[in-house]
Amino acid sequence: MDIKAKTITIIDDENEILLMLEKHLTRQGYKVKTFDNPVTAISSLPKDTDLILLDIMMPQMNGLDALPKLQEKVPNVKVLIMTAFSTLDKVLNAHRKRANDYIMKPFSSLNDLSKKIDKILND
């Protein structure tokens, strides 16, 4: 399968982030689905999702708490954690819950994000 034909689901409570990432990734050729709430994402996660971009700090539910529920819905999904508040404990916890990688917000560049996404999807 062509990597650009893959589906990416973005879960973040910040609409500006959702819109920016959706526009950027759609231009890159990905099929993109967005959710501003992890509870809704858990119940509506597309089964064809290849990668989830998941924010940690959200008011409805912590991203790390949502992670196992999302993985239960799509067992082999890859996950890139996004956070503005990184601590070693959060990073280790994300890896224990089978997140593939993490990236700090705000992003240094969308190209760096794209490289990280391509690397995860190619592994």
PDB file of N, CA and C in Angstrom:
ATOM      1  N   MET A   1       0.846  -1.187   0.000  1.00  0.00           N
ATOM      2  CA  MET A   1       0.000   0.000   0.000  1.00  0.00           C
ATOM      3  C   MET A   1       0.886   1.243   0.000  1.00  0.00           C
ATOM      4  N   ASP A   2       0.505   2.204  -0.800  1.00  0.00           N
ATOM      5  CA  ASP A   2       1.238   3.465  -0.821  1.00  0.00           C
ATOM      6  C   ASP A   2       1.074   4.155   0.526  1.00  0.00           C
ATOM      7  N   ILE A   3       2.191   4.642   1.092  1.00  0.00           N
ATOM      8  CA  ILE A   3       2.144   5.252   2.425  1.00  0.00           C
ATOM      9  C   ILE A   3       1.193   6.438   2.467  1.00  0.00           C
ATOM     10  N   LYS A   4       1.096   7.193   1.386  1.00  0.00           N
ATOM     11  CA  LYS A   4       0.245   8.378   1.389  1.00  0.00           C
ATOM     12  C   LYS A   4      -1.237   8.027   1.332  1.00  0.00           C
ATOM     13  N   ALA A   5      -1.584   6.774   1.071  1.00  0.00           N
ATOM     14  CA  ALA A   5      -2.978   6.356   1.065  1.00  0.00           C
ATOM     15  C   ALA A   5      -3.445   5.959   2.462  1.00  0.00           C
ATOM     16  N   LYS A   6      -2.601   6.115   3.441  1.00  0.00           N
ATOM     17  CA  LYS A   6      -2.929   5.703   4.807  1.00  0.00           C
ATOM     18  C   LYS A   6      -3.827   6.720   5.493  1.00  0.00           C
ATOM     19  N   THR A   7      -4.523   6.245   6.537  1.00  0.00           N
ATOM     20  CA  THR A   7      -5.458   7.070   7.285  1.00  0.00           C
ATOM     21  C   THR A   7      -4.850   7.483   8.617  1.00  0.00           C
ATOM     22  N   ILE A   8      -4.900   8.778   8.890  1.00  0.00           N
ATOM     23  CA  ILE A   8      -4.416   9.331  10.150  1.00  0.00           C
ATOM     24  C   ILE A   8      -5.593   9.954  10.881  1.00  0.00           C
ATOM     25  N   THR A   9      -5.753   9.584  12.144  1.00  0.00           N
ATOM     26  CA  THR A   9      -6.773  10.180  13.000  1.00  0.00           C
ATOM     27  C   THR A   9      -6.078  11.087  14.006  1.00  0.00           C
ATOM     28  N   ILE A  10      -6.561  12.322  14.099  1.00  0.00           N
ATOM     29  CA  ILE A  10      -5.990  13.308  15.018  1.00  0.00           C
ATOM     30  C   ILE A  10      -6.981  13.548  16.140  1.00  0.00           C
ATOM     31  N   ILE A  11      -6.488  13.454  17.384  1.00  0.00           N
ATOM     32  CA  ILE A  11      -7.338  13.696  18.551  1.00  0.00           C
ATOM     33  C   ILE A  11      -6.673  14.778  19.393  1.00  0.00           C
ATOM     34  N   ASP A  12      -7.297  15.949  19.425  1.00  0.00           N
ATOM     35  CA  ASP A  12      -6.756  17.099  20.155  1.00  0.00           C
ATOM     36  C   ASP A  12      -7.906  18.038  20.481  1.00  0.00           C
ATOM     37  N   ASP A  13      -7.909  18.619  21.661  1.00  0.00           N
ATOM     38  CA  ASP A  13      -8.997  19.518  22.046  1.00  0.00           C
ATOM     39  C   ASP A  13      -8.820  20.941  21.525  1.00  0.00           C
ATOM     40  N   GLU A  14      -7.692  21.225  20.873  1.00  0.00           N
ATOM     41  CA  GLU A  14      -7.449  22.553  20.319  1.00  0.00           C
ATOM     42  C   GLU A  14      -7.813  22.568  18.832  1.00  0.00           C
ATOM     43  N   ASN A  15      -8.874  23.295  18.497  1.00  0.00           N
ATOM     44  CA  ASN A  15      -9.346  23.321  17.111  1.00  0.00           C
ATOM     45  C   ASN A  15      -8.302  23.848  16.135  1.00  0.00           C
ATOM     46  N   GLU A  16      -7.478  24.807  16.570  1.00  0.00           N
ATOM     47  CA  GLU A  16      -6.442  25.344  15.676  1.00  0.00           C
ATOM     48  C   GLU A  16      -5.461  24.247  15.278  1.00  0.00           C
ATOM     49  N   ILE A  17      -5.098  23.410  16.240  1.00  0.00           N
ATOM     50  CA  ILE A  17      -4.174  22.288  15.966  1.00  0.00           C
ATOM     51  C   ILE A  17      -4.835  21.307  14.996  1.00  0.00           C
ATOM     52  N   LEU A  18      -6.094  20.973  15.267  1.00  0.00           N
ATOM     53  CA  LEU A  18      -6.804  20.038  14.390  1.00  0.00           C
ATOM     54  C   LEU A  18      -6.840  20.545  12.950  1.00  0.00           C
ATOM     55  N   LEU A  19      -7.217  21.810  12.775  1.00  0.00           N
ATOM     56  CA  LEU A  19      -7.333  22.375  11.433  1.00  0.00           C
ATOM     57  C   LEU A  19      -5.984  22.446  10.729  1.00  0.00           C
ATOM     58  N   MET A  20      -4.954  22.883  11.451  1.00  0.00           N
ATOM     59  CA  MET A  20      -3.624  22.998  10.866  1.00  0.00           C
ATOM     60  C   MET A  20      -3.111  21.623  10.430  1.00  0.00           C
ATOM     61  N   LEU A  21      -3.233  20.623  11.314  1.00  0.00           N
ATOM     62  CA  LEU A  21      -2.739  19.287  10.992  1.00  0.00           C
ATOM     63  C   LEU A  21      -3.557  18.630   9.892  1.00  0.00           C
ATOM     64  N   GLU A  22      -4.865  18.805   9.937  1.00  0.00           N
ATOM     65  CA  GLU A  22      -5.720  18.227   8.898  1.00  0.00           C
ATOM     66  C   GLU A  22      -5.344  18.794   7.526  1.00  0.00           C
ATOM     67  N   LYS A  23      -5.181  20.090   7.444  1.00  0.00           N
ATOM     68  CA  LYS A  23      -4.815  20.735   6.175  1.00  0.00           C
ATOM     69  C   LYS A  23      -3.445  20.242   5.692  1.00  0.00           C
ATOM     70  N   HIS A  24      -2.466  20.239   6.597  1.00  0.00           N
ATOM     71  CA  HIS A  24      -1.109  19.824   6.229  1.00  0.00           C
ATOM     72  C   HIS A  24      -1.072  18.363   5.775  1.00  0.00           C
ATOM     73  N   LEU A  25      -1.673  17.479   6.544  1.00  0.00           N
ATOM     74  CA  LEU A  25      -1.600  16.046   6.229  1.00  0.00           C
ATOM     75  C   LEU A  25      -2.432  15.681   5.005  1.00  0.00           C
ATOM     76  N   THR A  26      -3.537  16.375   4.797  1.00  0.00           N
ATOM     77  CA  THR A  26      -4.334  16.151   3.593  1.00  0.00           C
ATOM     78  C   THR A  26      -3.524  16.550   2.360  1.00  0.00           C
ATOM     79  N   ARG A  27      -2.805  17.676   2.458  1.00  0.00           N
ATOM     80  CA  ARG A  27      -1.939  18.103   1.354  1.00  0.00           C
ATOM     81  C   ARG A  27      -0.826  17.083   1.096  1.00  0.00           C
ATOM     82  N   GLN A  28      -0.413  16.374   2.151  1.00  0.00           N
ATOM     83  CA  GLN A  28       0.622  15.346   2.005  1.00  0.00           C
ATOM     84  C   GLN A  28       0.066  14.063   1.371  1.00  0.00           C
ATOM     85  N   GLY A  29      -1.251  13.982   1.232  1.00  0.00           N
ATOM     86  CA  GLY A  29      -1.861  12.825   0.586  1.00  0.00           C
ATOM     87  C   GLY A  29      -2.516  11.834   1.531  1.00  0.00           C
ATOM     88  N   TYR A  30      -2.517  12.116   2.819  1.00  0.00           N
ATOM     89  CA  TYR A  30      -3.140  11.208   3.782  1.00  0.00           C
ATOM     90  C   TYR A  30      -4.647  11.435   3.832  1.00  0.00           C
ATOM     91  N   LYS A  31      -5.366  10.392   4.186  1.00  0.00           N
ATOM     92  CA  LYS A  31      -6.786  10.502   4.522  1.00  0.00           C
ATOM     93  C   LYS A  31      -6.803  10.875   6.010  1.00  0.00           C
ATOM     94  N   VAL A  32      -7.507  11.946   6.377  1.00  0.00           N
ATOM     95  CA  VAL A  32      -7.444  12.457   7.748  1.00  0.00           C
ATOM     96  C   VAL A  32      -8.834  12.532   8.358  1.00  0.00           C
ATOM     97  N   LYS A  33      -8.927  12.081   9.598  1.00  0.00           N
ATOM     98  CA  LYS A  33     -10.143  12.190  10.409  1.00  0.00           C
ATOM     99  C   LYS A  33      -9.748  12.908  11.693  1.00  0.00           C
ATOM    100  N   THR A  34     -10.578  13.854  12.152  1.00  0.00           N
ATOM    101  CA  THR A  34     -10.249  14.596  13.368  1.00  0.00           C
ATOM    102  C   THR A  34     -11.335  14.443  14.422  1.00  0.00           C
ATOM    103  N   PHE A  35     -10.883  14.513  15.682  1.00  0.00           N
ATOM    104  CA  PHE A  35     -11.786  14.508  16.834  1.00  0.00           C
ATOM    105  C   PHE A  35     -11.268  15.526  17.840  1.00  0.00           C
ATOM    106  N   ASP A  36     -12.167  16.320  18.398  1.00  0.00           N
ATOM    107  CA  ASP A  36     -11.770  17.297  19.417  1.00  0.00           C
ATOM    108  C   ASP A  36     -12.005  16.766  20.826  1.00  0.00           C
ATOM    109  N   ASN A  37     -12.306  15.465  20.919  1.00  0.00           N
ATOM    110  CA  ASN A  37     -12.677  14.870  22.190  1.00  0.00           C
ATOM    111  C   ASN A  37     -12.323  13.375  22.152  1.00  0.00           C
ATOM    112  N   PRO A  38     -11.513  12.893  23.083  1.00  0.00           N
ATOM    113  CA  PRO A  38     -11.116  11.482  23.045  1.00  0.00           C
ATOM    114  C   PRO A  38     -12.265  10.513  23.303  1.00  0.00           C
ATOM    115  N   VAL A  39     -13.270  10.934  24.042  1.00  0.00           N
ATOM    116  CA  VAL A  39     -14.414  10.055  24.314  1.00  0.00           C
ATOM    117  C   VAL A  39     -15.157   9.757  23.012  1.00  0.00           C
ATOM    118  N   THR A  40     -15.386  10.786  22.216  1.00  0.00           N
ATOM    119  CA  THR A  40     -16.027  10.607  20.916  1.00  0.00           C
ATOM    120  C   THR A  40     -15.137   9.780  19.996  1.00  0.00           C
ATOM    121  N   ALA A  41     -13.839  10.036  20.031  1.00  0.00           N
ATOM    122  CA  ALA A  41     -12.902   9.288  19.185  1.00  0.00           C
ATOM    123  C   ALA A  41     -12.941   7.800  19.503  1.00  0.00           C
ATOM    124  N   ILE A  42     -13.019   7.458  20.774  1.00  0.00           N
ATOM    125  CA  ILE A  42     -13.059   6.043  21.171  1.00  0.00           C
ATOM    126  C   ILE A  42     -14.285   5.361  20.566  1.00  0.00           C
ATOM    127  N   SER A  43     -15.422   6.032  20.598  1.00  0.00           N
ATOM    128  CA  SER A  43     -16.641   5.400  20.080  1.00  0.00           C
ATOM    129  C   SER A  43     -16.736   5.449  18.556  1.00  0.00           C
ATOM    130  N   SER A  44     -15.998   6.352  17.910  1.00  0.00           N
ATOM    131  CA  SER A  44     -16.146   6.538  16.464  1.00  0.00           C
ATOM    132  C   SER A  44     -14.853   6.339  15.670  1.00  0.00           C
ATOM    133  N   LEU A  45     -13.832   5.781  16.276  1.00  0.00           N
ATOM    134  CA  LEU A  45     -12.544   5.624  15.604  1.00  0.00           C
ATOM    135  C   LEU A  45     -12.699   4.775  14.345  1.00  0.00           C
ATOM    136  N   PRO A  46     -12.291   5.320  13.185  1.00  0.00           N
ATOM    137  CA  PRO A  46     -12.387   4.518  11.955  1.00  0.00           C
ATOM    138  C   PRO A  46     -11.502   3.271  12.043  1.00  0.00           C
ATOM    139  N   LYS A  47     -12.048   2.145  11.628  1.00  0.00           N
ATOM    140  CA  LYS A  47     -11.323   0.866  11.702  1.00  0.00           C
ATOM    141  C   LYS A  47     -10.110   0.835  10.780  1.00  0.00           C
ATOM    142  N   ASP A  48     -10.094   1.735   9.770  1.00  0.00           N
ATOM    143  CA  ASP A  48      -8.968   1.744   8.841  1.00  0.00           C
ATOM    144  C   ASP A  48      -7.863   2.713   9.268  1.00  0.00           C
ATOM    145  N   THR A  49      -7.916   3.188  10.512  1.00  0.00           N
ATOM    146  CA  THR A  49      -6.899   4.120  11.001  1.00  0.00           C
ATOM    147  C   THR A  49      -5.548   3.413  11.100  1.00  0.00           C
ATOM    148  N   ASP A  50      -4.544   4.017  10.466  1.00  0.00           N
ATOM    149  CA  ASP A  50      -3.184   3.481  10.506  1.00  0.00           C
ATOM    150  C   ASP A  50      -2.352   4.145  11.598  1.00  0.00           C
ATOM    151  N   LEU A  51      -2.646   5.428  11.870  1.00  0.00           N
ATOM    152  CA  LEU A  51      -1.874   6.200  12.840  1.00  0.00           C
ATOM    153  C   LEU A  51      -2.806   7.161  13.563  1.00  0.00           C
ATOM    154  N   ILE A  52      -2.610   7.263  14.882  1.00  0.00           N
ATOM    155  CA  ILE A  52      -3.337   8.243  15.685  1.00  0.00           C
ATOM    156  C   ILE A  52      -2.337   9.266  16.190  1.00  0.00           C
ATOM    157  N   LEU A  53      -2.633  10.551  15.972  1.00  0.00           N
ATOM    158  CA  LEU A  53      -1.901  11.639  16.615  1.00  0.00           C
ATOM    159  C   LEU A  53      -2.742  12.010  17.819  1.00  0.00           C
ATOM    160  N   LEU A  54      -2.212  11.783  19.010  1.00  0.00           N
ATOM    161  CA  LEU A  54      -2.998  11.876  20.239  1.00  0.00           C
ATOM    162  C   LEU A  54      -2.398  12.866  21.216  1.00  0.00           C
ATOM    163  N   ASP A  55      -3.173  13.892  21.552  1.00  0.00           N
ATOM    164  CA  ASP A  55      -2.755  14.851  22.570  1.00  0.00           C
ATOM    165  C   ASP A  55      -2.899  14.199  23.943  1.00  0.00           C
ATOM    166  N   ILE A  56      -2.043  14.570  24.875  1.00  0.00           N
ATOM    167  CA  ILE A  56      -2.140  14.013  26.228  1.00  0.00           C
ATOM    168  C   ILE A  56      -3.131  14.795  27.084  1.00  0.00           C
ATOM    169  N   MET A  57      -2.972  16.113  27.132  1.00  0.00           N
ATOM    170  CA  MET A  57      -3.761  16.932  28.045  1.00  0.00           C
ATOM    171  C   MET A  57      -5.051  17.411  27.380  1.00  0.00           C
ATOM    172  N   MET A  58      -6.162  16.768  27.741  1.00  0.00           N
ATOM    173  CA  MET A  58      -7.482  17.158  27.242  1.00  0.00           C
ATOM    174  C   MET A  58      -8.458  17.104  28.405  1.00  0.00           C
ATOM    175  N   PRO A  59      -9.433  18.014  28.420  1.00  0.00           N
ATOM    176  CA  PRO A  59     -10.332  18.084  29.578  1.00  0.00           C
ATOM    177  C   PRO A  59     -11.263  16.879  29.731  1.00  0.00           C
ATOM    178  N   GLN A  60     -11.693  16.274  28.630  1.00  0.00           N
ATOM    179  CA  GLN A  60     -12.663  15.181  28.723  1.00  0.00           C
ATOM    180  C   GLN A  60     -12.037  13.888  29.249  1.00  0.00           C
ATOM    181  N   MET A  61     -10.792  13.638  28.827  1.00  0.00           N
ATOM    182  CA  MET A  61     -10.086  12.426  29.226  1.00  0.00           C
ATOM    183  C   MET A  61      -8.619  12.601  28.859  1.00  0.00           C
ATOM    184  N   ASN A  62      -7.746  12.197  29.737  1.00  0.00           N
ATOM    185  CA  ASN A  62      -6.315  12.234  29.474  1.00  0.00           C
ATOM    186  C   ASN A  62      -5.999  11.299  28.302  1.00  0.00           C
ATOM    187  N   GLY A  63      -5.136  11.763  27.401  1.00  0.00           N
ATOM    188  CA  GLY A  63      -4.777  10.952  26.244  1.00  0.00           C
ATOM    189  C   GLY A  63      -4.172   9.612  26.612  1.00  0.00           C
ATOM    190  N   LEU A  64      -3.403   9.574  27.701  1.00  0.00           N
ATOM    191  CA  LEU A  64      -2.804   8.301  28.110  1.00  0.00           C
ATOM    192  C   LEU A  64      -3.857   7.324  28.633  1.00  0.00           C
ATOM    193  N   ASP A  65      -4.946   7.847  29.190  1.00  0.00           N
ATOM    194  CA  ASP A  65      -6.055   6.977  29.602  1.00  0.00           C
ATOM    195  C   ASP A  65      -6.852   6.495  28.388  1.00  0.00           C
ATOM    196  N   ALA A  66      -6.947   7.346  27.368  1.00  0.00           N
ATOM    197  CA  ALA A  66      -7.674   6.985  26.147  1.00  0.00           C
ATOM    198  C   ALA A  66      -6.895   5.984  25.288  1.00  0.00           C
ATOM    199  N   LEU A  67      -5.581   6.025  25.373  1.00  0.00           N
ATOM    200  CA  LEU A  67      -4.725   5.220  24.501  1.00  0.00           C
ATOM    201  C   LEU A  67      -5.081   3.731  24.480  1.00  0.00           C
ATOM    202  N   PRO A  68      -5.182   3.039  25.622  1.00  0.00           N
ATOM    203  CA  PRO A  68      -5.511   1.600  25.555  1.00  0.00           C
ATOM    204  C   PRO A  68      -6.892   1.330  24.957  1.00  0.00           C
ATOM    205  N   LYS A  69      -7.829   2.236  25.173  1.00  0.00           N
ATOM    206  CA  LYS A  69      -9.180   2.056  24.624  1.00  0.00           C
ATOM    207  C   LYS A  69      -9.170   2.214  23.108  1.00  0.00           C
ATOM    208  N   LEU A  70      -8.357   3.147  22.621  1.00  0.00           N
ATOM    209  CA  LEU A  70      -8.219   3.335  21.180  1.00  0.00           C
ATOM    210  C   LEU A  70      -7.532   2.119  20.560  1.00  0.00           C
ATOM    211  N   GLN A  71      -6.508   1.599  21.228  1.00  0.00           N
ATOM    212  CA  GLN A  71      -5.794   0.426  20.725  1.00  0.00           C
ATOM    213  C   GLN A  71      -6.685  -0.818  20.748  1.00  0.00           C
ATOM    214  N   GLU A  72      -7.625  -0.857  21.659  1.00  0.00           N
ATOM    215  CA  GLU A  72      -8.570  -1.971  21.698  1.00  0.00           C
ATOM    216  C   GLU A  72      -9.482  -1.934  20.462  1.00  0.00           C
ATOM    217  N   LYS A  73      -9.864  -0.724  20.042  1.00  0.00           N
ATOM    218  CA  LYS A  73     -10.728  -0.565  18.867  1.00  0.00           C
ATOM    219  C   LYS A  73      -9.991  -0.932  17.573  1.00  0.00           C
ATOM    220  N   VAL A  74      -8.724  -0.524  17.474  1.00  0.00           N
ATOM    221  CA  VAL A  74      -7.894  -0.820  16.300  1.00  0.00           C
ATOM    222  C   VAL A  74      -6.565  -1.365  16.831  1.00  0.00           C
ATOM    223  N   PRO A  75      -6.478  -2.680  17.040  1.00  0.00           N
ATOM    224  CA  PRO A  75      -5.352  -3.286  17.758  1.00  0.00           C
ATOM    225  C   PRO A  75      -3.950  -2.976  17.245  1.00  0.00           C
ATOM    226  N   ASN A  76      -3.730  -2.883  15.953  1.00  0.00           N
ATOM    227  CA  ASN A  76      -2.373  -2.665  15.456  1.00  0.00           C
ATOM    228  C   ASN A  76      -2.091  -1.226  15.058  1.00  0.00           C
ATOM    229  N   VAL A  77      -2.918  -0.303  15.542  1.00  0.00           N
ATOM    230  CA  VAL A  77      -2.749   1.099  15.185  1.00  0.00           C
ATOM    231  C   VAL A  77      -1.446   1.648  15.777  1.00  0.00           C
ATOM    232  N   LYS A  78      -0.802   2.518  15.039  1.00  0.00           N
ATOM    233  CA  LYS A  78       0.403   3.184  15.537  1.00  0.00           C
ATOM    234  C   LYS A  78      -0.027   4.503  16.154  1.00  0.00           C
ATOM    235  N   VAL A  79       0.735   4.959  17.172  1.00  0.00           N
ATOM    236  CA  VAL A  79       0.332   6.147  17.920  1.00  0.00           C
ATOM    237  C   VAL A  79       1.518   7.083  18.100  1.00  0.00           C
ATOM    238  N   LEU A  80       1.275   8.359  17.771  1.00  0.00           N
ATOM    239  CA  LEU A  80       2.234   9.425  18.007  1.00  0.00           C
ATOM    240  C   LEU A  80       1.609  10.360  19.032  1.00  0.00           C
ATOM    241  N   ILE A  81       2.205  10.413  20.210  1.00  0.00           N
ATOM    242  CA  ILE A  81       1.722  11.281  21.284  1.00  0.00           C
ATOM    243  C   ILE A  81       2.193  12.711  21.021  1.00  0.00           C
ATOM    244  N   MET A  82       1.282  13.664  21.229  1.00  0.00           N
ATOM    245  CA  MET A  82       1.617  15.085  21.112  1.00  0.00           C
ATOM    246  C   MET A  82       1.420  15.720  22.490  1.00  0.00           C
ATOM    247  N   THR A  83       2.387  16.495  22.925  1.00  0.00           N
ATOM    248  CA  THR A  83       2.240  17.122  24.227  1.00  0.00           C
ATOM    249  C   THR A  83       3.027  18.418  24.322  1.00  0.00           C
ATOM    250  N   ALA A  84       2.459  19.345  25.060  1.00  0.00           N
ATOM    251  CA  ALA A  84       3.172  20.595  25.367  1.00  0.00           C
ATOM    252  C   ALA A  84       3.804  20.490  26.749  1.00  0.00           C
ATOM    253  N   PHE A  85       3.440  19.445  27.489  1.00  0.00           N
ATOM    254  CA  PHE A  85       3.885  19.286  28.876  1.00  0.00           C
ATOM    255  C   PHE A  85       4.551  17.939  29.063  1.00  0.00           C
ATOM    256  N   SER A  86       5.747  17.806  28.539  1.00  0.00           N
ATOM    257  CA  SER A  86       6.427  16.526  28.604  1.00  0.00           C
ATOM    258  C   SER A  86       7.235  16.391  29.890  1.00  0.00           C
ATOM    259  N   THR A  87       7.067  15.252  30.519  1.00  0.00           N
ATOM    260  CA  THR A  87       7.922  14.861  31.629  1.00  0.00           C
ATOM    261  C   THR A  87       8.407  13.454  31.313  1.00  0.00           C
ATOM    262  N   LEU A  88       9.487  13.055  31.917  1.00  0.00           N
ATOM    263  CA  LEU A  88      10.012  11.712  31.691  1.00  0.00           C
ATOM    264  C   LEU A  88       8.956  10.670  32.049  1.00  0.00           C
ATOM    265  N   ASP A  89       8.223  10.901  33.117  1.00  0.00           N
ATOM    266  CA  ASP A  89       7.191   9.967  33.542  1.00  0.00           C
ATOM    267  C   ASP A  89       6.120   9.795  32.462  1.00  0.00           C
ATOM    268  N   LYS A  90       5.682  10.894  31.853  1.00  0.00           N
ATOM    269  CA  LYS A  90       4.663  10.812  30.800  1.00  0.00           C
ATOM    270  C   LYS A  90       5.196  10.078  29.568  1.00  0.00           C
ATOM    271  N   VAL A  91       6.419  10.360  29.206  1.00  0.00           N
ATOM    272  CA  VAL A  91       7.017   9.693  28.041  1.00  0.00           C
ATOM    273  C   VAL A  91       7.136   8.193  28.294  1.00  0.00           C
ATOM    274  N   LEU A  92       7.630   7.813  29.464  1.00  0.00           N
ATOM    275  CA  LEU A  92       7.758   6.392  29.795  1.00  0.00           C
ATOM    276  C   LEU A  92       6.393   5.711  29.849  1.00  0.00           C
ATOM    277  N   ASN A  93       5.415   6.397  30.423  1.00  0.00           N
ATOM    278  CA  ASN A  93       4.064   5.857  30.505  1.00  0.00           C
ATOM    279  C   ASN A  93       3.482   5.656  29.105  1.00  0.00           C
ATOM    280  N   ALA A  94       3.718   6.597  28.211  1.00  0.00           N
ATOM    281  CA  ALA A  94       3.241   6.471  26.828  1.00  0.00           C
ATOM    282  C   ALA A  94       3.877   5.264  26.146  1.00  0.00           C
ATOM    283  N   HIS A  95       5.172   5.065  26.349  1.00  0.00           N
ATOM    284  CA  HIS A  95       5.847   3.909  25.749  1.00  0.00           C
ATOM    285  C   HIS A  95       5.357   2.598  26.359  1.00  0.00           C
ATOM    286  N   ARG A  96       5.091   2.590  27.663  1.00  0.00           N
ATOM    287  CA  ARG A  96       4.542   1.390  28.310  1.00  0.00           C
ATOM    288  C   ARG A  96       3.181   1.031  27.716  1.00  0.00           C
ATOM    289  N   LYS A  97       2.440   2.049  27.308  1.00  0.00           N
ATOM    290  CA  LYS A  97       1.111   1.814  26.725  1.00  0.00           C
ATOM    291  C   LYS A  97       1.186   1.637  25.213  1.00  0.00           C
ATOM    292  N   ARG A  98       2.366   1.386  24.699  1.00  0.00           N
ATOM    293  CA  ARG A  98       2.619   1.055  23.303  1.00  0.00           C
ATOM    294  C   ARG A  98       2.466   2.222  22.337  1.00  0.00           C
ATOM    295  N   ALA A  99       2.734   3.440  22.794  1.00  0.00           N
ATOM    296  CA  ALA A  99       2.828   4.549  21.851  1.00  0.00           C
ATOM    297  C   ALA A  99       4.137   4.376  21.085  1.00  0.00           C
ATOM    298  N   ASN A 100       4.138   4.736  19.819  1.00  0.00           N
ATOM    299  CA  ASN A 100       5.334   4.550  19.002  1.00  0.00           C
ATOM    300  C   ASN A 100       6.356   5.650  19.194  1.00  0.00           C
ATOM    301  N   ASP A 101       5.892   6.862  19.463  1.00  0.00           N
ATOM    302  CA  ASP A 101       6.808   7.993  19.632  1.00  0.00           C
ATOM    303  C   ASP A 101       6.019   9.164  20.202  1.00  0.00           C
ATOM    304  N   TYR A 102       6.726  10.256  20.449  1.00  0.00           N
ATOM    305  CA  TYR A 102       6.041  11.470  20.899  1.00  0.00           C
ATOM    306  C   TYR A 102       6.702  12.672  20.247  1.00  0.00           C
ATOM    307  N   ILE A 103       5.947  13.773  20.232  1.00  0.00           N
ATOM    308  CA  ILE A 103       6.458  15.021  19.682  1.00  0.00           C
ATOM    309  C   ILE A 103       5.962  16.168  20.556  1.00  0.00           C
ATOM    310  N   MET A 104       6.822  17.158  20.722  1.00  0.00           N
ATOM    311  CA  MET A 104       6.482  18.311  21.563  1.00  0.00           C
ATOM    312  C   MET A 104       5.676  19.340  20.762  1.00  0.00           C
ATOM    313  N   LYS A 105       4.689  19.921  21.414  1.00  0.00           N
ATOM    314  CA  LYS A 105       3.948  21.055  20.859  1.00  0.00           C
ATOM    315  C   LYS A 105       4.438  22.305  21.580  1.00  0.00           C
ATOM    316  N   PRO A 106       4.531  23.426  20.938  1.00  0.00           N
ATOM    317  CA  PRO A 106       4.279  23.603  19.511  1.00  0.00           C
ATOM    318  C   PRO A 106       5.372  22.921  18.697  1.00  0.00           C
ATOM    319  N   PHE A 107       4.992  22.481  17.500  1.00  0.00           N
ATOM    320  CA  PHE A 107       5.916  21.770  16.625  1.00  0.00           C
ATOM    321  C   PHE A 107       7.005  22.715  16.143  1.00  0.00           C
ATOM    322  N   SER A 108       8.234  22.212  16.077  1.00  0.00           N
ATOM    323  CA  SER A 108       9.327  23.043  15.556  1.00  0.00           C
ATOM    324  C   SER A 108       9.091  23.330  14.076  1.00  0.00           C
ATOM    325  N   SER A 109       8.543  22.345  13.354  1.00  0.00           N
ATOM    326  CA  SER A 109       8.137  22.557  11.966  1.00  0.00           C
ATOM    327  C   SER A 109       7.211  21.421  11.554  1.00  0.00           C
ATOM    328  N   LEU A 110       6.344  21.713  10.614  1.00  0.00           N
ATOM    329  CA  LEU A 110       5.467  20.661  10.112  1.00  0.00           C
ATOM    330  C   LEU A 110       6.247  19.618   9.320  1.00  0.00           C
ATOM    331  N   ASN A 111       7.376  20.019   8.745  1.00  0.00           N
ATOM    332  CA  ASN A 111       8.223  19.047   8.038  1.00  0.00           C
ATOM    333  C   ASN A 111       8.799  18.023   9.008  1.00  0.00           C
ATOM    334  N   ASP A 112       9.201  18.472  10.213  1.00  0.00           N
ATOM    335  CA  ASP A 112       9.695  17.532  11.232  1.00  0.00           C
ATOM    336  C   ASP A 112       8.595  16.553  11.629  1.00  0.00           C
ATOM    337  N   LEU A 113       7.385  17.059  11.771  1.00  0.00           N
ATOM    338  CA  LEU A 113       6.253  16.202  12.104  1.00  0.00           C
ATOM    339  C   LEU A 113       6.035  15.183  10.987  1.00  0.00           C
ATOM    340  N   SER A 114       6.068  15.626   9.741  1.00  0.00           N
ATOM    341  CA  SER A 114       5.874  14.719   8.599  1.00  0.00           C
ATOM    342  C   SER A 114       6.935  13.629   8.563  1.00  0.00           C
ATOM    343  N   LYS A 115       8.181  13.990   8.843  1.00  0.00           N
ATOM    344  CA  LYS A 115       9.257  12.995   8.873  1.00  0.00           C
ATOM    345  C   LYS A 115       9.005  11.952   9.951  1.00  0.00           C
ATOM    346  N   LYS A 116       8.547  12.410  11.125  1.00  0.00           N
ATOM    347  CA  LYS A 116       8.271  11.490  12.228  1.00  0.00           C
ATOM    348  C   LYS A 116       7.121  10.559  11.853  1.00  0.00           C
ATOM    349  N   ILE A 117       6.087  11.105  11.231  1.00  0.00           N
ATOM    350  CA  ILE A 117       4.942  10.298  10.794  1.00  0.00           C
ATOM    351  C   ILE A 117       5.384   9.263   9.764  1.00  0.00           C
ATOM    352  N   ASP A 118       6.153   9.687   8.771  1.00  0.00           N
ATOM    353  CA  ASP A 118       6.634   8.754   7.741  1.00  0.00           C
ATOM    354  C   ASP A 118       7.463   7.630   8.359  1.00  0.00           C
ATOM    355  N   LYS A 119       8.310   7.977   9.323  1.00  0.00           N
ATOM    356  CA  LYS A 119       9.149   6.973   9.981  1.00  0.00           C
ATOM    357  C   LYS A 119       8.291   5.944  10.724  1.00  0.00           C
ATOM    358  N   ILE A 120       7.296   6.432  11.468  1.00  0.00           N
ATOM    359  CA  ILE A 120       6.414   5.518  12.218  1.00  0.00           C
ATOM    360  C   ILE A 120       5.658   4.611  11.262  1.00  0.00           C
ATOM    361  N   LEU A 121       5.114   5.169  10.199  1.00  0.00           N
ATOM    362  CA  LEU A 121       4.324   4.368   9.267  1.00  0.00           C
ATOM    363  C   LEU A 121       5.189   3.382   8.476  1.00  0.00           C
ATOM    364  N   ASN A 122       6.480   3.666   8.342  1.00  0.00           N
ATOM    365  CA  ASN A 122       7.378   2.752   7.619  1.00  0.00           C
ATOM    366  C   ASN A 122       7.957   1.666   8.506  1.00  0.00           C
ATOM    367  N   ASP A 123       7.892   1.818   9.827  1.00  0.00           N
ATOM    368  CA  ASP A 123       8.446   0.801  10.741  1.00  0.00           C
ATOM    369  C   ASP A 123       7.550  -0.415  10.816  1.00  0.00           C
TER     370      ASP A 123
END
